N, C-alpha and C. Protein backbone atom coordinates (compact mmCIF):
# COMPACT_ATOMS: atom_id res chain seq x y z
N MET A 1 113.50 112.87 94.52
CA MET A 1 112.35 111.52 94.29
C MET A 1 111.50 111.23 93.26
N ASP A 2 111.49 110.35 92.88
CA ASP A 2 110.75 110.37 91.30
C ASP A 2 109.24 110.22 91.50
N GLU A 3 108.80 110.86 90.37
CA GLU A 3 107.00 110.88 90.73
C GLU A 3 106.41 109.78 90.68
N HIS A 4 106.95 108.53 90.78
CA HIS A 4 106.16 107.66 90.52
C HIS A 4 106.36 107.53 92.18
N MET A 5 107.28 107.70 92.81
CA MET A 5 107.41 107.28 94.50
C MET A 5 106.38 108.22 95.00
N LYS A 6 106.77 109.23 94.58
CA LYS A 6 105.87 110.55 95.42
C LYS A 6 104.16 110.18 95.13
N ARG A 7 103.46 109.66 94.03
CA ARG A 7 102.36 109.64 94.35
C ARG A 7 101.75 108.38 95.26
N ARG A 8 103.17 106.93 94.87
CA ARG A 8 102.51 105.82 96.09
C ARG A 8 102.78 106.42 96.92
N LEU A 9 103.76 107.29 98.01
CA LEU A 9 103.24 107.73 99.04
C LEU A 9 102.46 108.47 99.75
N ASP A 10 102.25 109.05 98.52
CA ASP A 10 100.71 110.56 99.10
C ASP A 10 99.85 109.25 98.91
N LYS A 11 99.79 108.32 98.16
CA LYS A 11 98.82 107.32 98.40
C LYS A 11 98.53 106.62 99.80
N GLN A 12 99.78 105.72 100.28
CA GLN A 12 100.27 105.43 101.64
C GLN A 12 99.82 106.35 102.56
N ARG A 13 100.14 107.69 102.56
CA ARG A 13 100.17 108.38 103.71
C ARG A 13 98.12 108.93 103.97
N LYS A 14 97.97 109.06 102.17
CA LYS A 14 95.88 109.36 102.74
C LYS A 14 95.54 107.56 103.37
N LEU A 15 96.51 106.75 102.40
CA LEU A 15 95.35 105.66 103.39
C LEU A 15 95.85 105.36 104.83
N PHE A 16 96.74 105.40 105.36
CA PHE A 16 97.25 105.63 106.78
C PHE A 16 96.76 106.48 107.52
N SER A 17 95.90 107.56 107.20
CA SER A 17 95.70 108.84 107.85
C SER A 17 93.89 108.28 107.94
N GLN A 18 93.65 107.62 106.37
CA GLN A 18 92.22 107.03 107.06
C GLN A 18 91.94 106.40 108.04
N LEU A 19 93.13 105.31 108.03
CA LEU A 19 93.05 103.85 109.08
C LEU A 19 93.81 104.55 110.95
N GLY A 20 93.80 105.78 111.14
CA GLY A 20 94.52 106.47 111.95
C GLY A 20 96.05 105.96 112.46
N ILE A 21 96.60 105.76 111.14
CA ILE A 21 98.12 105.49 111.69
C ILE A 21 98.70 106.85 111.15
N GLY A 22 99.53 106.86 111.99
CA GLY A 22 100.58 108.45 111.82
C GLY A 22 101.61 108.26 111.57
N LEU A 23 102.11 107.33 111.17
CA LEU A 23 103.74 107.42 110.80
C LEU A 23 103.87 106.73 109.55
N ASP A 24 104.36 107.08 108.68
CA ASP A 24 104.85 106.14 107.45
C ASP A 24 105.78 106.37 106.45
N ALA A 25 106.51 105.66 106.25
CA ALA A 25 107.88 105.33 105.40
C ALA A 25 108.73 105.93 105.20
N LEU A 26 107.94 107.55 105.18
CA LEU A 26 108.91 108.91 104.48
C LEU A 26 109.21 109.68 105.96
N THR A 27 108.16 109.37 106.71
CA THR A 27 108.00 110.26 107.83
C THR A 27 109.14 109.53 109.17
N ILE A 28 109.41 108.09 108.13
CA ILE A 28 110.28 107.39 109.60
C ILE A 28 111.91 108.29 109.17
N HIS A 29 111.80 107.38 107.96
CA HIS A 29 113.40 107.86 106.95
C HIS A 29 113.74 109.06 107.32
N GLU A 30 112.37 110.29 107.30
CA GLU A 30 113.49 112.01 107.43
C GLU A 30 113.25 111.88 108.99
N LYS A 31 113.15 111.33 109.80
CA LYS A 31 113.45 111.83 111.10
C LYS A 31 114.39 111.44 111.63
N GLU A 32 114.65 113.06 112.29
CA GLU A 32 116.65 113.50 112.47
C GLU A 32 116.27 113.37 114.34
N PHE A 33 117.23 113.18 114.68
CA PHE A 33 117.29 112.51 116.42
C PHE A 33 118.61 113.91 116.78
N SER A 34 118.65 114.40 117.45
CA SER A 34 119.64 115.41 118.37
C SER A 34 119.86 114.50 118.71
N MET A 35 121.53 114.70 119.33
CA MET A 35 122.80 114.42 119.52
C MET A 35 122.88 114.51 120.68
N LYS A 36 123.56 114.10 121.84
CA LYS A 36 123.58 113.64 123.14
C LYS A 36 124.83 113.29 123.28
N LEU A 37 125.75 113.87 124.49
CA LEU A 37 126.73 113.14 125.47
C LEU A 37 126.73 111.61 125.24
N ARG A 38 125.93 110.91 125.67
CA ARG A 38 125.78 109.12 125.80
C ARG A 38 124.42 109.03 124.66
N GLY A 39 124.46 109.43 123.84
CA GLY A 39 122.92 108.70 122.64
C GLY A 39 123.28 107.68 122.46
N TYR A 40 121.85 107.19 121.50
CA TYR A 40 122.37 106.15 120.93
C TYR A 40 123.65 106.09 119.35
N ASP A 41 124.11 105.04 119.31
CA ASP A 41 124.44 104.35 118.18
C ASP A 41 124.32 105.04 116.91
N PRO A 42 123.93 106.24 116.00
CA PRO A 42 123.35 107.19 114.71
C PRO A 42 123.06 105.51 113.72
N GLU A 43 124.36 104.93 113.60
CA GLU A 43 124.34 104.15 112.67
C GLU A 43 122.94 102.68 113.13
N GLU A 44 123.69 102.18 113.95
CA GLU A 44 122.22 101.02 115.32
C GLU A 44 120.67 101.71 114.82
N VAL A 45 120.70 103.25 114.86
CA VAL A 45 119.19 103.73 115.14
C VAL A 45 118.84 103.36 113.41
N ASP A 46 119.56 104.12 112.67
CA ASP A 46 119.20 103.77 111.21
C ASP A 46 119.09 102.53 110.67
N THR A 47 119.33 101.46 110.87
CA THR A 47 119.31 99.73 110.25
C THR A 47 118.55 100.12 111.12
N PHE A 48 118.08 100.17 112.36
CA PHE A 48 116.93 99.61 112.80
C PHE A 48 115.39 100.86 112.28
N LEU A 49 115.67 101.57 112.10
CA LEU A 49 114.35 102.78 111.63
C LEU A 49 114.38 102.15 110.15
N ASP A 50 115.65 101.27 109.42
CA ASP A 50 115.33 101.00 108.29
C ASP A 50 114.50 99.42 107.79
N SER A 51 114.56 98.76 109.01
CA SER A 51 113.88 97.67 109.17
C SER A 51 112.21 97.95 109.41
N VAL A 52 112.23 99.26 110.02
CA VAL A 52 110.61 99.87 110.47
C VAL A 52 110.18 100.58 108.92
N ILE A 53 111.13 100.90 108.34
CA ILE A 53 110.18 101.42 106.91
C ILE A 53 109.93 100.26 105.85
N LYS A 54 110.48 98.82 106.15
CA LYS A 54 110.28 97.94 105.26
C LYS A 54 108.82 96.81 105.91
N ASP A 55 108.90 97.08 106.66
CA ASP A 55 107.76 96.75 107.48
C ASP A 55 106.37 97.44 107.22
N TYR A 56 106.97 98.63 107.74
CA TYR A 56 105.35 99.82 106.53
C TYR A 56 105.54 99.70 105.71
N GLU A 57 106.00 99.07 104.23
CA GLU A 57 105.70 99.58 103.03
C GLU A 57 105.00 97.73 102.74
N ARG A 58 105.69 97.00 103.45
CA ARG A 58 105.21 95.67 103.62
C ARG A 58 103.22 96.00 103.98
N PHE A 59 103.19 96.48 105.22
CA PHE A 59 102.22 96.64 106.07
C PHE A 59 101.10 97.41 104.86
N TYR A 60 102.00 98.36 104.06
CA TYR A 60 100.77 99.54 103.22
C TYR A 60 100.51 98.25 102.11
N ALA A 61 101.38 97.28 101.10
CA ALA A 61 101.36 96.68 100.61
C ALA A 61 99.73 95.90 100.19
N THR A 62 100.08 95.01 101.42
CA THR A 62 99.35 93.89 102.59
C THR A 62 97.57 94.88 102.65
N ILE A 63 97.75 96.22 103.34
CA ILE A 63 96.64 96.52 103.58
C ILE A 63 96.17 97.08 101.58
N ALA A 64 96.66 97.39 101.65
CA ALA A 64 96.30 97.86 99.84
C ALA A 64 95.92 96.88 99.06
N ASP A 65 96.17 96.36 99.05
CA ASP A 65 96.03 94.61 98.30
C ASP A 65 94.79 94.22 98.63
N LEU A 66 94.51 93.92 100.34
CA LEU A 66 93.45 94.17 100.87
C LEU A 66 92.35 94.58 100.25
N MET A 67 92.66 95.98 99.83
CA MET A 67 91.42 96.97 99.92
C MET A 67 90.80 96.61 98.45
N ASP A 68 91.92 96.48 97.60
CA ASP A 68 91.47 96.38 96.37
C ASP A 68 90.30 95.02 96.11
N LYS A 69 90.89 94.13 96.73
CA LYS A 69 90.37 92.69 96.53
C LYS A 69 88.65 92.92 97.39
N TRP A 70 89.09 93.57 98.07
CA TRP A 70 87.31 94.00 99.06
C TRP A 70 86.33 94.69 98.09
N GLN A 71 87.24 95.92 97.47
CA GLN A 71 86.55 96.31 96.40
C GLN A 71 86.05 95.29 95.13
N GLU A 72 86.83 94.78 94.50
CA GLU A 72 86.27 93.65 93.53
C GLU A 72 85.12 92.96 93.61
N GLN A 73 85.15 91.96 95.22
CA GLN A 73 84.22 91.75 96.07
C GLN A 73 82.54 91.99 95.86
N GLN A 74 82.93 93.38 96.40
CA GLN A 74 81.88 94.38 96.41
C GLN A 74 81.13 94.39 94.70
N LEU A 75 81.78 94.67 93.91
CA LEU A 75 81.40 94.84 92.37
C LEU A 75 80.81 93.73 91.88
N GLU A 76 81.63 92.44 92.01
CA GLU A 76 81.02 91.58 91.91
C GLU A 76 79.75 90.79 92.85
N LEU A 77 79.87 91.36 93.90
CA LEU A 77 78.26 91.21 94.80
C LEU A 77 77.18 91.92 94.03
N ARG A 78 77.57 93.33 93.73
CA ARG A 78 76.55 94.29 93.17
C ARG A 78 76.23 93.89 91.70
N ASP A 79 77.14 92.99 90.59
CA ASP A 79 76.79 92.81 89.51
C ASP A 79 75.52 91.62 90.02
N LEU A 80 76.30 90.50 90.78
CA LEU A 80 75.45 89.48 91.35
C LEU A 80 73.66 89.69 91.69
N LYS A 81 73.70 91.21 92.29
CA LYS A 81 72.21 90.95 92.77
C LYS A 81 71.35 92.09 91.48
N VAL A 82 72.05 92.59 90.38
CA VAL A 82 71.87 93.38 89.21
C VAL A 82 71.43 91.82 88.07
N GLU A 83 72.32 90.73 88.25
CA GLU A 83 72.07 89.62 87.50
C GLU A 83 70.64 89.26 87.85
N THR A 84 70.29 88.52 89.43
CA THR A 84 69.57 87.73 90.35
C THR A 84 68.05 88.97 89.97
N LYS A 85 68.25 90.27 89.50
CA LYS A 85 67.25 90.89 90.15
C LYS A 85 65.89 90.81 91.18
N GLY A 86 66.62 90.19 91.86
CA GLY A 86 65.63 90.40 92.89
C GLY A 86 65.29 88.88 93.48
N PHE A 87 65.54 88.22 92.48
CA PHE A 87 65.53 86.67 92.72
C PHE A 87 66.70 86.24 93.51
N PRO A 88 66.44 85.10 94.87
CA PRO A 88 67.61 84.88 95.39
C PRO A 88 68.34 83.75 94.81
N VAL A 89 70.42 83.83 95.19
CA VAL A 89 71.05 83.41 94.06
C VAL A 89 70.59 81.13 94.58
N ILE A 90 70.40 80.80 93.84
CA ILE A 90 70.64 79.23 93.95
C ILE A 90 71.97 78.91 94.33
N ALA A 91 73.05 78.15 95.24
CA ALA A 91 74.04 77.73 95.67
C ALA A 91 73.89 76.42 94.82
N ASP A 92 73.11 75.19 95.15
CA ASP A 92 73.08 74.09 94.69
C ASP A 92 73.57 74.12 93.17
N PRO A 93 74.54 73.22 92.71
CA PRO A 93 74.94 73.39 91.26
C PRO A 93 74.36 72.37 90.29
N VAL A 94 73.51 71.63 91.21
CA VAL A 94 72.13 70.90 90.01
C VAL A 94 71.10 72.16 89.91
N LEU A 95 71.02 73.35 90.43
CA LEU A 95 69.72 73.61 90.24
C LEU A 95 70.41 75.05 89.73
N LYS A 96 71.65 75.75 89.49
CA LYS A 96 72.04 76.64 88.92
C LYS A 96 71.46 76.88 87.66
N GLY A 97 71.61 75.86 86.80
CA GLY A 97 71.31 76.36 85.35
C GLY A 97 69.53 76.40 84.76
N ILE A 98 68.97 76.07 86.58
CA ILE A 98 67.01 76.81 86.35
C ILE A 98 66.95 78.29 86.39
N ASP A 99 65.84 78.87 85.70
CA ASP A 99 66.04 80.37 85.95
C ASP A 99 65.18 80.00 87.11
N PRO A 100 65.16 80.96 88.13
CA PRO A 100 64.07 81.36 89.35
C PRO A 100 62.78 81.42 88.86
N LYS A 101 62.53 81.67 87.56
CA LYS A 101 61.00 82.16 87.37
C LYS A 101 60.18 80.48 87.45
N ASP A 102 61.40 80.00 86.64
CA ASP A 102 60.37 78.52 86.43
C ASP A 102 60.70 77.67 87.09
N LEU A 103 61.81 78.06 88.29
CA LEU A 103 61.99 76.87 89.87
C LEU A 103 60.05 78.03 90.56
N GLU A 104 59.67 78.82 90.36
CA GLU A 104 58.68 79.73 91.21
C GLU A 104 57.54 78.33 90.45
N GLU A 105 57.26 78.55 89.21
CA GLU A 105 56.02 78.21 88.68
C GLU A 105 56.18 76.75 89.23
N ILE A 106 57.02 75.46 89.15
CA ILE A 106 57.53 74.38 89.42
C ILE A 106 56.79 74.37 90.66
N ILE A 107 57.38 75.02 92.20
CA ILE A 107 56.90 75.22 93.28
C ILE A 107 55.45 75.38 93.29
N VAL A 108 54.76 76.18 92.04
CA VAL A 108 52.71 76.49 92.71
C VAL A 108 52.47 75.08 92.02
N LYS A 109 52.82 74.91 90.86
CA LYS A 109 52.71 73.76 90.62
C LYS A 109 52.05 72.74 91.44
N LEU A 110 53.81 72.23 92.12
CA LEU A 110 53.39 71.53 92.98
C LEU A 110 52.80 71.71 93.90
N GLU A 111 52.07 72.37 94.79
CA GLU A 111 51.82 73.18 95.60
C GLU A 111 50.25 72.63 95.05
N THR A 112 49.80 73.42 94.30
CA THR A 112 48.59 72.56 93.56
C THR A 112 48.31 71.23 93.73
N ASN A 113 49.21 70.51 92.93
CA ASN A 113 49.22 69.13 93.18
C ASN A 113 48.79 68.08 94.40
N ILE A 114 49.35 68.89 95.52
CA ILE A 114 49.24 68.61 96.78
C ILE A 114 48.14 68.42 97.50
N ARG A 115 47.42 70.10 96.70
CA ARG A 115 46.54 69.95 97.25
C ARG A 115 45.13 69.30 97.05
N GLN A 116 45.07 69.16 95.96
CA GLN A 116 44.44 68.34 95.05
C GLN A 116 44.55 66.72 95.43
N LEU A 117 45.59 66.54 95.84
CA LEU A 117 45.66 64.99 95.93
C LEU A 117 45.39 65.04 97.75
N LYS A 118 45.73 65.75 98.69
CA LYS A 118 44.98 66.03 99.75
C LYS A 118 43.25 65.95 99.70
N GLU A 119 42.28 66.63 98.84
CA GLU A 119 41.18 66.52 98.60
C GLU A 119 40.37 64.98 98.26
N LYS A 120 41.81 64.48 97.42
CA LYS A 120 41.41 63.22 97.27
C LYS A 120 40.96 61.88 98.08
N LEU A 121 42.45 62.43 99.15
CA LEU A 121 42.18 61.48 100.33
C LEU A 121 41.06 61.06 101.15
N PRO A 122 41.13 59.80 101.70
CA PRO A 122 39.92 60.09 102.57
C PRO A 122 40.51 60.34 103.66
N GLN A 123 39.19 61.08 104.53
CA GLN A 123 39.31 62.63 105.62
C GLN A 123 39.55 61.31 106.80
N SER A 124 38.70 59.80 106.41
CA SER A 124 38.51 59.16 108.02
C SER A 124 39.81 58.65 108.23
N GLU A 125 41.32 58.47 106.81
CA GLU A 125 41.81 57.32 107.57
C GLU A 125 42.81 57.98 108.36
N GLY A 126 43.20 59.55 108.28
CA GLY A 126 43.80 60.38 108.79
C GLY A 126 45.75 60.48 108.49
N TYR A 127 45.45 60.24 106.92
CA TYR A 127 46.59 60.37 106.74
C TYR A 127 47.49 61.57 106.71
N LEU A 128 46.78 62.89 106.98
CA LEU A 128 47.47 64.06 107.22
C LEU A 128 47.59 64.76 108.36
């Protein structure tokens, strides 16, 4: 067995162990069954086990791919948190170009203007 395949199988075993999966492709491939008088056809068993091994390899590839994608997303999320420095991320594409500090100043000015307008309105007319 070449070094690349050995490393790949070691990674697979470690991942499967973390996920609580007891079998891996090599364990299935190396399984030997005892012969009995009325046993199963060894070729049929081998053919079936080969298909099980292929499925395990696909499962491993899918799980490894999904874990890589998850790790990439975790890094992106961490980078976003660092970039925003505690400010919430603005999802609206129109507002994306506005600096959160500028937006906060605009909101404070608007609140001040609303207070001043409320003070100027006659109290008896019931506008507010």
